[in-house]
Protein backbone atom coordinates (compact mmCIF):
# COMPACT_ATOMS: atom_id res chain seq x y z
CA MET A 1 -0.94 -2.79 -10.57
CA LYS A 2 -3.04 -1.99 -13.59
CA LEU A 3 -5.56 0.92 -13.69
CA PRO A 4 -8.66 1.70 -15.49
CA SER A 5 -9.56 5.36 -16.49
CA ILE A 6 -10.34 7.49 -13.64
CA ARG A 7 -12.93 10.23 -13.37
CA CYS A 8 -13.22 12.44 -10.38
CA ARG A 9 -16.57 12.89 -8.72
CA ALA A 10 -17.60 16.02 -6.57
CA ALA A 11 -17.42 15.69 -2.80
CA VAL A 12 -20.28 16.87 -0.66
CA GLY A 13 -20.04 19.72 1.92
CA VAL A 14 -17.58 19.18 5.01
CA LEU A 15 -20.15 18.68 7.77
CA ALA A 16 -22.04 16.14 5.64
CA VAL A 17 -18.61 14.22 4.87
CA LEU A 18 -17.55 14.33 8.08
CA ALA A 19 -20.90 13.37 9.83
CA ALA A 20 -21.40 10.65 7.40
CA THR A 21 -18.12 9.17 8.42
CA GLY A 22 -18.70 9.54 12.09
CA VAL A 23 -16.78 12.58 13.26
CA SER A 24 -18.46 14.18 16.31
CA LEU A 25 -19.45 17.59 16.16
CA GLY A 26 -20.19 17.71 19.93
CA THR A 27 -18.58 19.73 22.81
CA ALA A 28 -14.78 20.29 22.65
CA GLY A 29 -12.25 21.53 24.86
CA PRO A 30 -11.23 24.92 26.34
CA ALA A 31 -12.14 28.24 24.43
CA SER A 32 -8.61 28.97 23.47
CA ALA A 33 -8.99 25.84 21.34
CA ARG A 34 -12.55 26.80 20.21
CA THR A 35 -15.48 26.00 22.35
CA THR A 36 -17.26 23.38 19.93
CA ALA A 37 -15.91 20.92 17.75
CA GLY A 38 -18.42 22.30 15.09
CA ARG A 39 -16.33 25.54 15.00
CA CYS A 40 -13.22 23.51 15.37
CA ILE A 41 -13.70 21.57 12.05
CA GLY A 42 -15.87 24.22 10.37
CA SER A 43 -13.44 25.15 7.69
CA THR A 44 -14.47 24.80 4.00
CA ALA A 45 -10.90 23.97 2.94
CA PRO A 46 -10.98 21.51 0.03
CA LEU A 47 -10.43 17.93 0.77
CA SER A 48 -7.84 15.78 -1.02
CA VAL A 49 -8.84 13.55 -3.99
CA GLU A 50 -8.85 10.43 -1.69
CA GLU A 51 -10.77 12.15 1.03
CA SER A 52 -13.33 13.19 -1.32
CA ARG A 53 -14.37 9.67 -1.73
CA LEU A 54 -15.64 9.46 1.97
CA SER A 55 -18.98 10.43 0.74
CA TRP A 56 -19.45 8.16 -2.01
CA VAL A 57 -22.54 6.05 -1.98
CA LEU A 58 -23.09 2.65 -3.94
CA PRO A 59 -26.32 1.60 -5.52
CA ASP A 60 -28.40 -0.82 -3.38
CA ASN A 61 -27.59 -4.54 -4.50
CA ASP A 62 -31.36 -5.67 -4.83
CA ASP A 63 -32.60 -2.21 -6.34
CA PRO A 64 -29.61 -0.55 -8.03
CA SER A 65 -32.18 2.40 -8.98
CA ALA A 66 -31.80 3.40 -5.29
CA PRO A 67 -28.79 4.26 -3.10
CA GLN A 68 -27.47 2.31 -0.16
CA PRO A 69 -28.35 4.23 3.10
CA THR A 70 -24.98 5.10 4.04
CA SER A 71 -21.85 5.79 2.22
CA PHE A 72 -19.27 3.20 1.40
CA ALA A 73 -16.83 4.81 3.83
CA GLU A 74 -18.99 4.68 6.93
CA GLN A 75 -19.86 1.04 6.24
CA MET A 76 -16.05 0.09 6.12
CA ILE A 77 -15.38 2.18 9.50
CA GLN A 78 -18.18 0.78 11.10
CA GLY A 79 -17.76 -2.57 9.81
CA GLY A 80 -14.36 -2.52 11.25
CA GLY A 81 -15.58 -1.39 14.63
CA PHE A 82 -13.59 1.76 14.29
CA GLN A 83 -16.49 4.31 14.48
CA ALA A 84 -15.13 5.81 17.70
CA TYR A 85 -11.73 6.72 16.37
CA GLY A 86 -13.01 9.86 14.44
CA PRO A 87 -15.07 11.43 17.19
CA LYS A 88 -12.18 10.86 19.56
CA PHE A 89 -9.66 12.26 17.24
CA THR A 90 -11.73 15.23 16.68
CA ARG A 91 -12.35 15.97 20.60
CA LEU A 92 -8.66 15.66 21.37
CA LEU A 93 -7.54 17.55 18.40
CA CYS A 94 -10.05 20.50 19.29
CA ARG A 95 -8.44 20.69 22.70
CA THR A 96 -4.92 20.67 21.58
CA PRO A 97 -3.34 24.14 22.65
CA SER A 98 -0.28 24.16 20.42
CA LEU A 99 1.49 22.95 17.49
CA THR A 100 3.83 20.82 19.68
CA ALA A 101 0.79 19.22 21.48
CA ALA A 102 -1.02 18.73 18.01
CA THR A 103 2.18 17.05 16.70
CA ALA A 104 2.33 14.54 19.44
CA LEU A 105 -1.39 13.89 19.18
CA VAL A 106 -1.29 13.16 15.48
CA LYS A 107 1.46 10.64 15.98
CA SER A 108 -0.05 8.90 19.08
CA GLU A 109 -3.51 8.59 17.60
CA GLY A 110 -2.11 7.47 14.10
CA GLU A 111 -0.13 4.62 15.81
CA ALA A 112 -3.21 3.65 17.97
CA LEU A 113 -5.09 3.20 14.81
CA TRP A 114 -2.49 1.05 13.33
CA ARG A 115 -2.21 -0.96 16.31
CA ALA A 116 -5.99 -1.57 16.42
CA ALA A 117 -6.10 -2.56 12.71
CA VAL A 118 -3.17 -5.05 13.40
CA ALA A 119 -4.86 -6.44 16.45
CA ARG A 120 -8.00 -7.03 14.68
CA ALA A 121 -6.41 -8.78 11.87
CA GLN A 122 -4.64 -10.97 14.15
CA ARG A 123 -7.82 -11.59 16.30
CA LYS A 124 -5.86 -10.19 19.45
CA GLY A 125 -9.02 -9.74 21.76
CA ARG A 126 -12.63 -9.55 20.46
CA VAL A 127 -13.08 -8.82 16.81
CA THR A 128 -15.40 -5.79 16.51
CA GLY A 129 -17.44 -4.82 13.75
CA THR A 130 -19.50 -6.89 11.13
CA LEU A 131 -16.64 -7.34 8.59
CA PRO A 132 -14.21 -10.26 8.45
CA TYR A 133 -11.21 -9.95 10.80
CA SER A 134 -9.03 -10.05 7.75
CA ASP A 135 -10.60 -6.85 6.03
CA ASP A 136 -7.88 -4.30 5.23
CA ARG A 137 -10.21 -1.61 4.19
CA PRO A 138 -11.35 -0.31 7.63
CA LEU A 139 -7.84 1.09 8.28
CA TYR A 140 -7.77 2.89 4.84
CA TRP A 141 -10.92 4.69 5.21
CA THR A 142 -10.62 5.44 8.93
CA ARG A 143 -7.19 7.17 8.27
CA LEU A 144 -8.97 9.30 5.45
CA GLN A 145 -11.60 10.38 7.86
CA SER A 146 -8.93 11.57 10.18
CA THR A 147 -6.93 13.39 7.65
CA ALA A 148 -10.09 15.16 6.36
CA THR A 149 -10.61 16.53 9.91
CA LEU A 150 -7.00 17.75 10.03
CA ARG A 151 -7.44 19.44 6.89
CA ARG A 152 -10.53 21.27 7.99
CA TRP A 153 -9.57 21.79 11.49
CA THR A 154 -9.31 25.57 12.75
CA PRO A 155 -7.10 25.67 15.70
CA GLY A 156 -6.85 28.22 18.35
CA PHE A 157 -3.29 29.09 17.61
CA PRO A 158 -1.46 30.12 14.24
CA LEU A 159 -1.05 27.19 11.89
CA SER A 160 0.71 27.53 8.35
CA THR A 161 -0.05 25.49 5.40
CA THR A 162 3.24 23.90 5.73
CA GLN A 163 2.68 23.00 9.32
CA ARG A 164 -0.82 21.66 8.49
CA SER A 165 0.63 19.45 5.84
CA ALA A 166 3.44 18.12 8.26
CA LEU A 167 0.70 17.05 10.69
CA ILE A 168 -1.10 15.45 8.11
CA THR A 169 1.92 13.33 6.98
CA ALA A 170 2.87 12.51 10.60
CA TYR A 171 -0.61 11.12 11.06
CA ASP A 172 -0.37 9.29 7.68
CA ARG A 173 2.96 7.79 8.24
CA ALA A 174 2.12 6.76 11.96
CA SER A 175 -1.26 5.17 10.93
CA ARG A 176 0.69 3.18 8.21
CA GLY A 177 3.03 1.50 10.89
CA MET A 178 5.91 3.40 9.78
CA PHE A 179 6.76 4.65 13.44
CA ASP A 180 6.44 1.38 15.29
CA ILE A 181 9.11 -0.71 13.78
CA ARG A 182 11.22 -2.42 16.33
CA PHE A 183 13.73 -5.31 15.93
CA PRO A 184 15.66 -7.05 18.79
CA ALA A 185 19.43 -6.67 18.58
CA GLY A 186 21.81 -9.79 17.95
CA LYS A 187 23.01 -12.44 15.94
CA GLY A 188 20.58 -15.13 17.05
CA VAL A 189 17.48 -13.80 15.14
CA ARG A 190 16.49 -12.96 11.73
CA ARG A 191 14.91 -9.53 11.26
CA VAL A 192 12.39 -9.29 8.19
CA ILE A 193 10.51 -6.12 7.13
CA MET A 194 7.93 -6.22 4.58
CA SER A 195 5.51 -3.64 3.05
CA GLY A 196 1.81 -3.78 1.64
CA PHE A 197 -0.19 -1.26 0.13
CA ASP A 198 -3.46 0.59 0.18
CA PRO A 199 -6.61 -0.26 -1.76
CA TYR A 200 -6.71 1.20 -5.24
CA THR A 201 -8.48 1.37 -8.51
CA LEU A 202 -11.24 2.90 -6.31
CA ASP A 203 -12.84 4.79 -9.20
CA GLY A 204 -15.36 3.39 -11.89
CA GLY A 205 -16.61 -0.19 -12.24
CA THR A 206 -20.19 -1.48 -12.55
CA THR A 207 -22.83 1.14 -12.02
CA GLY A 208 -26.56 1.48 -11.04
CA SER A 209 -29.04 4.05 -12.24
CA ALA A 210 -29.44 5.47 -8.66
CA PRO A 211 -28.62 9.19 -8.73
CA GLY A 212 -25.59 10.20 -6.93
CA THR A 213 -23.95 6.81 -6.66
CA VAL A 214 -20.77 5.41 -7.95
CA GLY A 215 -19.37 2.43 -9.52
CA ASN A 216 -18.35 -0.72 -7.70
CA ASN A 217 -14.57 -0.38 -7.84
CA ILE A 218 -14.83 1.43 -4.62
CA ARG A 219 -15.18 -1.78 -2.66
CA HIS A 220 -11.69 -2.88 -3.61
CA GLY A 221 -9.27 -3.92 -1.05
CA ASN A 222 -5.65 -4.81 -1.16
CA PRO A 223 -4.28 -8.42 -0.09
CA SER A 224 -0.61 -6.97 0.33
CA GLY A 225 -2.09 -4.57 2.80
CA ALA A 226 -3.98 -7.30 4.50
CA THR A 227 -0.85 -9.35 4.76
CA ALA A 228 1.15 -6.53 6.26
CA LEU A 229 -1.67 -6.44 9.03
CA ALA A 230 -1.60 -10.15 9.51
CA LEU A 231 2.22 -10.37 10.09
CA ASP A 232 3.16 -7.05 11.78
CA GLY A 233 4.96 -7.86 14.94
CA THR A 234 4.82 -11.53 14.67
CA THR A 235 7.53 -14.36 15.11
CA TYR A 236 8.24 -17.31 13.09
CA LYS A 237 10.58 -20.23 14.19
CA THR A 238 12.85 -20.77 11.06
CA LYS A 239 14.08 -24.26 9.92
CA ASP A 240 17.67 -23.68 11.59
CA GLY A 241 15.96 -22.96 14.82
CA ARG A 242 16.30 -19.28 14.97
CA THR A 243 13.40 -16.61 15.60
CA ALA A 244 12.44 -14.46 12.78
CA TYR A 245 10.79 -11.20 13.76
CA VAL A 246 8.47 -9.72 11.03
CA GLN A 247 7.64 -5.93 11.09
CA ALA A 248 5.28 -4.52 8.50
CA TYR A 249 4.00 -1.26 7.14
CA ASN A 250 1.65 -0.07 4.34
CA LEU A 251 2.45 2.30 1.65
CA PRO A 252 0.30 4.51 -0.28
CA VAL A 253 -0.63 4.15 -3.80
CA ASN A 254 0.57 7.67 -4.92
CA TYR A 255 3.64 8.96 -6.46
CA THR A 256 3.53 11.93 -4.28
CA GLU A 257 4.32 10.08 -1.01
CA PHE A 258 6.94 7.86 -2.73
CA GLY A 259 8.64 11.21 -3.98
CA GLN A 260 8.90 12.34 -0.18
CA GLY A 261 10.88 9.36 0.68
CA TYR A 262 8.12 7.41 2.48
CA LEU A 263 9.76 4.02 1.60
CA GLU A 264 13.48 5.17 2.44
CA ASP A 265 12.60 6.72 5.63
CA THR A 266 10.96 3.77 6.84
CA VAL A 267 13.35 1.01 5.53
CA GLY A 268 16.52 3.01 5.28
CA PRO A 269 17.33 3.22 9.02
CA PHE A 270 17.05 -0.72 9.20
CA MET A 271 19.52 -1.07 6.24
CA ARG A 272 22.22 1.01 8.06
CA PRO A 273 25.04 -0.69 10.10
CA GLY A 274 23.88 -1.60 13.60
CA PRO A 275 22.54 -4.26 15.74
CA GLN A 276 19.05 -3.80 14.34
CA ARG A 277 20.01 -4.21 10.62
CA VAL A 278 17.41 -6.21 8.76
CA ASP A 279 18.08 -9.62 7.29
CA ALA A 280 15.45 -9.37 4.48
CA SER A 281 13.42 -6.42 3.03
CA ILE A 282 10.43 -7.52 0.80
CA THR A 283 7.86 -5.44 -0.92
CA VAL A 284 4.51 -6.87 -1.85
CA SER A 285 1.69 -5.76 -3.79
CA GLN A 286 -1.36 -7.07 -5.87
CA ALA A 287 -1.30 -8.21 -9.61
CA GLY A 288 -3.64 -10.47 -11.19
CA ASP A 289 -4.74 -13.98 -11.98
CA SER A 290 -4.11 -16.92 -9.76
CA VAL A 291 -0.46 -16.67 -9.20
CA PHE A 292 2.47 -15.32 -7.07
CA ASP A 293 5.15 -13.69 -9.33
CA LEU A 294 8.53 -13.29 -7.83
CA GLU A 295 9.68 -10.11 -9.86
CA GLN A 296 13.35 -10.50 -11.25
CA TRP A 297 14.09 -6.86 -12.79
CA ASN A 298 12.67 -3.70 -11.61
CA GLY A 299 12.59 -0.61 -13.66
CA ARG A 300 13.38 2.93 -12.94
CA TYR A 301 10.67 4.33 -15.18
CA HIS A 302 7.29 5.29 -13.81
CA GLY A 303 4.23 7.37 -14.25
CA VAL A 304 1.90 6.04 -16.92
CA SER A 305 -0.98 5.56 -14.72
CA PRO A 306 -2.46 7.87 -11.99
CA GLY A 307 -2.40 7.01 -8.31
CA ASN A 308 -5.14 7.19 -5.79
CA ASP A 309 -4.56 10.99 -5.62
CA HIS A 310 -4.72 11.28 -9.45
CA SER A 311 -1.00 12.18 -9.53
CA GLN A 312 0.44 11.13 -12.89
CA PRO A 313 4.02 12.15 -13.33
CA CYS A 314 4.41 10.43 -16.68
CA PRO A 315 1.35 9.96 -18.76
CA THR A 316 1.71 8.70 -22.42
CA LEU A 317 1.22 11.41 -25.03
CA GLY A 318 -1.12 10.59 -27.90
CA GLY A 319 -0.61 6.95 -27.04
CA VAL A 320 3.16 7.07 -27.11
CA PRO A 321 5.21 6.89 -24.02
CA GLN A 322 7.51 9.68 -22.86
CA LEU A 323 11.15 9.47 -22.79
CA ALA A 324 12.57 9.90 -19.46
CA VAL A 325 15.93 11.42 -21.08
CA ASP A 326 13.34 14.31 -21.94
CA ASP A 327 11.15 14.26 -19.08
CA HIS A 328 12.61 13.36 -15.68
CA GLY A 329 9.26 13.14 -14.39
CA CYS A 330 9.22 9.71 -15.74
CA ASP A 331 12.03 8.42 -13.51
CA SER A 332 12.10 7.51 -9.80
CA THR A 333 14.61 9.78 -8.20
CA VAL A 334 15.73 9.08 -4.54
CA VAL A 335 15.57 11.94 -2.21
CA ASP A 336 18.77 13.70 -1.15
CA ARG A 337 19.04 12.18 2.51
CA TRP A 338 19.22 8.68 0.79
CA GLY A 339 21.62 9.49 -1.90
CA GLY A 340 24.86 7.83 -0.66
CA PRO A 341 27.50 6.31 -1.00
CA LYS A 342 29.18 8.42 -3.41
CA THR A 343 29.38 5.78 -6.01
CA PHE A 344 25.73 6.32 -7.06
CA SER A 345 24.53 9.39 -8.60
CA LEU A 346 21.45 11.09 -7.09
CA THR A 347 20.23 12.40 -10.38
CA ASP A 348 21.15 9.30 -12.42
CA PRO A 349 20.72 5.94 -10.47
CA PRO A 350 20.75 2.93 -12.57
CA GLN A 351 18.02 2.03 -14.93
CA TRP A 352 17.43 -1.41 -13.61
CA THR A 353 17.80 -3.18 -10.22
CA THR A 354 17.31 -7.04 -9.52
CA THR A 355 16.04 -9.25 -6.78
CA THR A 356 18.27 -10.93 -4.27
CA LEU A 357 15.20 -12.89 -2.80
CA PRO A 358 15.86 -16.61 -2.48
CA ILE A 359 13.68 -17.70 -5.57
CA ALA A 360 14.54 -21.25 -5.98
CA GLN A 361 13.84 -21.92 -2.19
CA MET A 362 10.53 -19.89 -2.23
CA ILE A 363 9.26 -22.08 -5.25
CA HIS A 364 10.29 -25.33 -3.77
CA ALA A 365 8.65 -24.42 -0.38
CA ASN A 366 5.50 -25.60 -1.87
CA THR A 367 3.83 -22.76 0.13
CA GLY A 368 0.17 -23.27 -1.49
CA ALA A 369 -0.01 -26.80 -0.48
CA SER A 370 -1.49 -26.04 3.13
CA VAL A 371 -3.94 -23.21 1.70
CA PRO A 372 -7.50 -23.75 0.77
CA ARG A 373 -8.31 -22.79 -2.74
CA PRO A 374 -10.69 -20.04 -3.08
CA PRO A 375 -13.77 -20.14 -5.32
CA GLY A 376 -13.01 -19.47 -9.07
CA ASP A 377 -8.96 -20.26 -8.57
CA GLU A 378 -7.67 -20.86 -11.97
CA TRP A 379 -4.22 -22.18 -11.22
CA PRO A 380 -4.05 -25.56 -13.18
CA ASP A 381 -2.31 -27.48 -10.25
CA PRO A 382 -5.25 -28.41 -7.83
CA SER A 383 -2.85 -29.55 -5.14
CA VAL A 384 -2.06 -25.82 -4.41
CA ALA A 385 -4.00 -22.48 -3.67
CA PHE A 386 -1.78 -20.60 -6.14
CA GLY A 387 1.38 -20.94 -8.44
CA VAL A 388 4.57 -19.21 -7.62
CA VAL A 389 6.51 -18.16 -10.76
CA TRP A 390 9.96 -16.70 -11.21
CA HIS A 391 8.66 -13.42 -13.21
CA THR A 392 11.53 -12.63 -15.58
CA ASN A 393 9.94 -10.51 -18.24
CA TYR A 394 10.49 -6.58 -18.65
CA THR A 395 10.18 -4.01 -21.31
CA GLU A 396 13.09 -1.72 -22.23
CA PHE A 397 13.90 1.12 -24.63
CA PRO A 398 17.02 -0.36 -26.39
CA ASP A 399 17.77 2.99 -27.58
CA CYS A 400 17.00 5.62 -24.76
CA THR A 401 16.43 8.39 -27.51
CA SER A 402 13.76 6.20 -29.40
CA THR A 403 10.35 5.29 -28.09
CA GLN A 404 10.63 1.92 -29.73
CA ARG A 405 10.27 -0.74 -26.87
CA VAL A 406 11.06 -4.47 -26.67
CA THR A 407 9.72 -7.00 -24.26
CA ARG A 408 12.09 -9.69 -23.12
CA ASN A 409 11.28 -13.32 -21.60
CA SER A 410 7.49 -13.05 -22.29
CA PRO A 411 5.69 -15.01 -21.23
CA PRO A 412 8.06 -16.25 -18.31
CA PRO A 413 7.83 -20.12 -18.19
CA THR A 414 6.04 -21.34 -15.30
CA GLU A 415 8.55 -24.17 -14.61
CA PHE A 416 11.60 -23.75 -12.39
CA PRO A 417 14.32 -23.95 -13.35
CA PRO A 418 13.31 -22.58 -16.67
CA PRO A 419 14.69 -24.41 -19.79
CA THR A 420 16.68 -21.61 -21.01
CA ALA A 421 18.12 -18.72 -18.73
CA PRO A 422 16.42 -15.44 -19.04
CA THR A 423 17.57 -12.62 -20.90
CA PRO A 424 19.05 -9.60 -18.81
CA PRO A 425 18.38 -6.10 -19.85
CA ASP A 426 20.63 -4.63 -22.49
CA PRO A 427 23.66 -2.68 -21.58
CA GLY A 428 22.95 1.03 -22.07
CA SER A 429 19.16 0.40 -22.34
CA CYS A 430 16.43 2.55 -20.59
CA SER A 431 13.74 0.73 -18.60
CA TYR A 432 10.01 1.06 -19.53
CA SER A 433 8.85 -1.59 -17.06
CA GLY A 434 9.92 -4.18 -14.74
CA GLY A 435 8.57 -7.51 -14.39
CA GLY A 436 6.12 -5.91 -12.13
CA GLY A 437 5.02 -3.17 -14.73
CA ASN A 438 5.71 0.61 -14.45
CA TYR A 439 3.33 1.62 -11.69
CA LEU A 440 3.66 1.80 -7.80
CA SER A 441 4.40 -1.95 -7.35
CA ASN A 442 7.58 -1.54 -9.40
CA GLU A 443 8.30 1.58 -7.71
CA SER A 444 8.22 0.05 -4.12
CA ALA A 445 10.44 -2.76 -5.75
CA TYR A 446 12.93 -0.40 -7.24
CA ARG A 447 13.28 1.78 -4.45
CA ASN A 448 13.72 -0.99 -1.83
CA THR A 449 16.31 -2.89 -3.96
CA LEU A 450 18.06 0.34 -4.96
CA LEU A 451 18.29 1.31 -1.10
CA ARG A 452 19.89 -2.25 -0.40
CA ASP A 453 22.45 -1.50 -3.41
CA ARG A 454 23.17 1.97 -1.79
CA MET A 455 23.90 0.57 1.60
CA GLY A 456 26.44 -2.03 -0.05
CA LEU A 457 24.06 -4.84 1.19
CA HIS A 458 23.57 -8.45 -0.15
CA THR A 459 20.72 -9.33 1.93
CA PRO A 460 17.43 -10.56 0.52
CA ALA A 461 15.34 -7.84 -1.06
CA GLY A 462 12.78 -7.72 -3.83
CA HIS A 463 9.06 -8.07 -4.84
CA ILE A 464 6.30 -10.33 -4.50
CA HIS A 465 3.30 -9.80 -6.53
CA THR A 466 -0.14 -11.62 -5.21
CA PRO A 467 -3.06 -12.74 -7.07
CA ASP A 468 -5.94 -10.28 -7.66
CA MET A 469 -8.39 -10.54 -4.61
CA GLN A 470 -11.28 -8.54 -6.16
CA HIS A 471 -13.71 -11.60 -6.38
CA PHE A 472 -17.21 -10.54 -5.53
CA GLU A 473 -20.40 -12.79 -5.48
CA THR A 474 -22.88 -9.79 -6.21
CA SER A 475 -22.53 -6.15 -7.90
CA PHE A 476 -22.89 -3.93 -4.76
CA LYS A 477 -22.65 -5.66 -1.64
CA VAL A 478 -19.53 -4.50 0.32
CA SER A 479 -18.31 -7.85 1.18
CA ASP A 480 -19.10 -11.43 0.90
CA GLY A 481 -17.81 -15.11 1.38
CA THR A 482 -15.91 -15.40 -1.87
CA PHE A 483 -14.30 -11.97 -1.27
CA ASP A 484 -13.32 -13.14 2.10
CA ALA A 485 -12.01 -16.58 0.82
CA TRP A 486 -9.72 -14.78 -1.82
CA ARG A 487 -8.05 -12.64 0.93
CA LEU A 488 -7.58 -15.25 3.38
CA ALA A 489 -6.02 -17.57 0.85
CA ILE A 490 -3.68 -14.85 -0.69
CA VAL A 491 -2.67 -13.79 3.07
CA ALA A 492 -2.02 -17.31 4.02
CA GLN A 493 0.08 -17.97 1.12
CA ALA A 494 1.88 -14.61 1.28
CA SER A 495 2.83 -15.14 4.83
CA ASN A 496 4.57 -18.59 3.97
CA LEU A 497 6.35 -17.00 1.09
CA ILE A 498 7.90 -14.62 3.62
CA HIS A 499 8.52 -17.21 5.93
CA ALA A 500 10.49 -19.07 3.10
CA VAL A 501 12.59 -15.96 2.85
CA ALA A 502 13.32 -15.85 6.65
CA ASP A 503 14.17 -19.47 6.39
CA ASN A 504 16.92 -18.63 3.88
CA ALA A 505 18.00 -15.24 5.08
CA ARG A 506 21.83 -15.28 5.97
């Protein structure tokens, strides 16, 4: 993931934001929980950076000097057929008599939103809304609508800042599919878990002259998130006749939640010994071009680019990267509850981890042969949708006390096996970027493979970078045929690659 510069824009008032995204201000429950939803969510507490984008409006595509009639978020929520979720959540929230009831509500409603997004992506039942069934963006914007409501909710019982934060986190995790992962027990099946990501790089882009409008980067989706929705809860018959069960979840594009242990708390329970231990754990994210990169090395270093919430733990200073030995904000650190076994140090985990995905088999599976090529696909082999490359480059600090950096194995050869073996990281070096960079793609890959190593496992675990999905025919329309074609093609080939992992998991 590579980010342009990000500039914050002011949000409008709470009632305008929530009304613009479909939150009802109508009648609520008993007086003990406030008599009207207007009073229930009438707080002026500040929204989060991500929630502040709920009110953003694009220029009109035909006349960029005029704004579109509704916010982008509202178009996503209604386009996904999710416009009833906000009002329902508000009504139920305003009726909750206690923290215990609120905790149960946010988990059940968050899970309901995730299940609805999965059902839509997999066309289970009637697909509602005007956006294509494969579109991952309605989930993201509907989630933010509900967390904004929680942030400005005034309950009829005492609620501390810590308790409110815990409710927001519980809803967030539930609506990402992190609580509904279930695998059958036994040795006759394959258990595969995969992650996708939210949309990102939502600030900036092409702008119009209409006052109060924003750049068109807000239209971005994420094919890895779309893949997670397409695969969650599905089965696949492997080549050796077993049934592979695929469970999926979506990660935020923020360092904050990674630091809280979102990935470890989701995957870790299924890497522990037991009948539901996974046979493969795969992280997936978006990169660029017309190629799937299978990342070999993942680095501990992070923080150069800001997340969706503008968190940036390790920015460059004067164009020069900080050294992690001087600023531990530049290094991924695992939360204490996932620190074992004792042979691993909580404060000094390894600088590098490696993939254990079946690289050769994934490349030789010819996963793009059955996938239609989208318009503008630039992979040179026309017989496949996208290429699949063993991505072996990385950048290191050979001397951990010097800002001098060296990039190895660049560019990685596209043929497999390569003519010469790739050079591994120098012993004693410090990471600057893995093959997937030093943003949250690499962070997910590092944490997932580190967790595998902490658990003493040798099962397939690693990272897949997808092609870039952001191909639009126009400047400001929220969706079009080309954008959808790229998403469909990427999701189809990503699914084939994950099935190839299941075929070769042991």
